[in-house]
């Protein structure tokens, strides 16, 4: 088996599930719903390690943005309550 950088790796459902600490069923659902970057080879799901790492970073940024929006929204509600 060729040895390359981890970014060149192609992962199986089991490997992605282990990597993300979720069940294989969750990975199948995410892949089928096109919520995680995946492709099929001979009817079997495969994942690029680089694409998964990029997806993780994107998910983290969305969570941070959502947290900021929730904080701003809560602050706005507090400010409105103080004006009443």
Foldseek 3Di string as FASTA:
>chain_A
DDDDDLQADKAFLVVVCVVVVHDSVVSVVCVVVVVADWDDDPNGIIDGSNRRVVSVVVVVVVVVVVVVVVVVVVVVVVVVVVVD
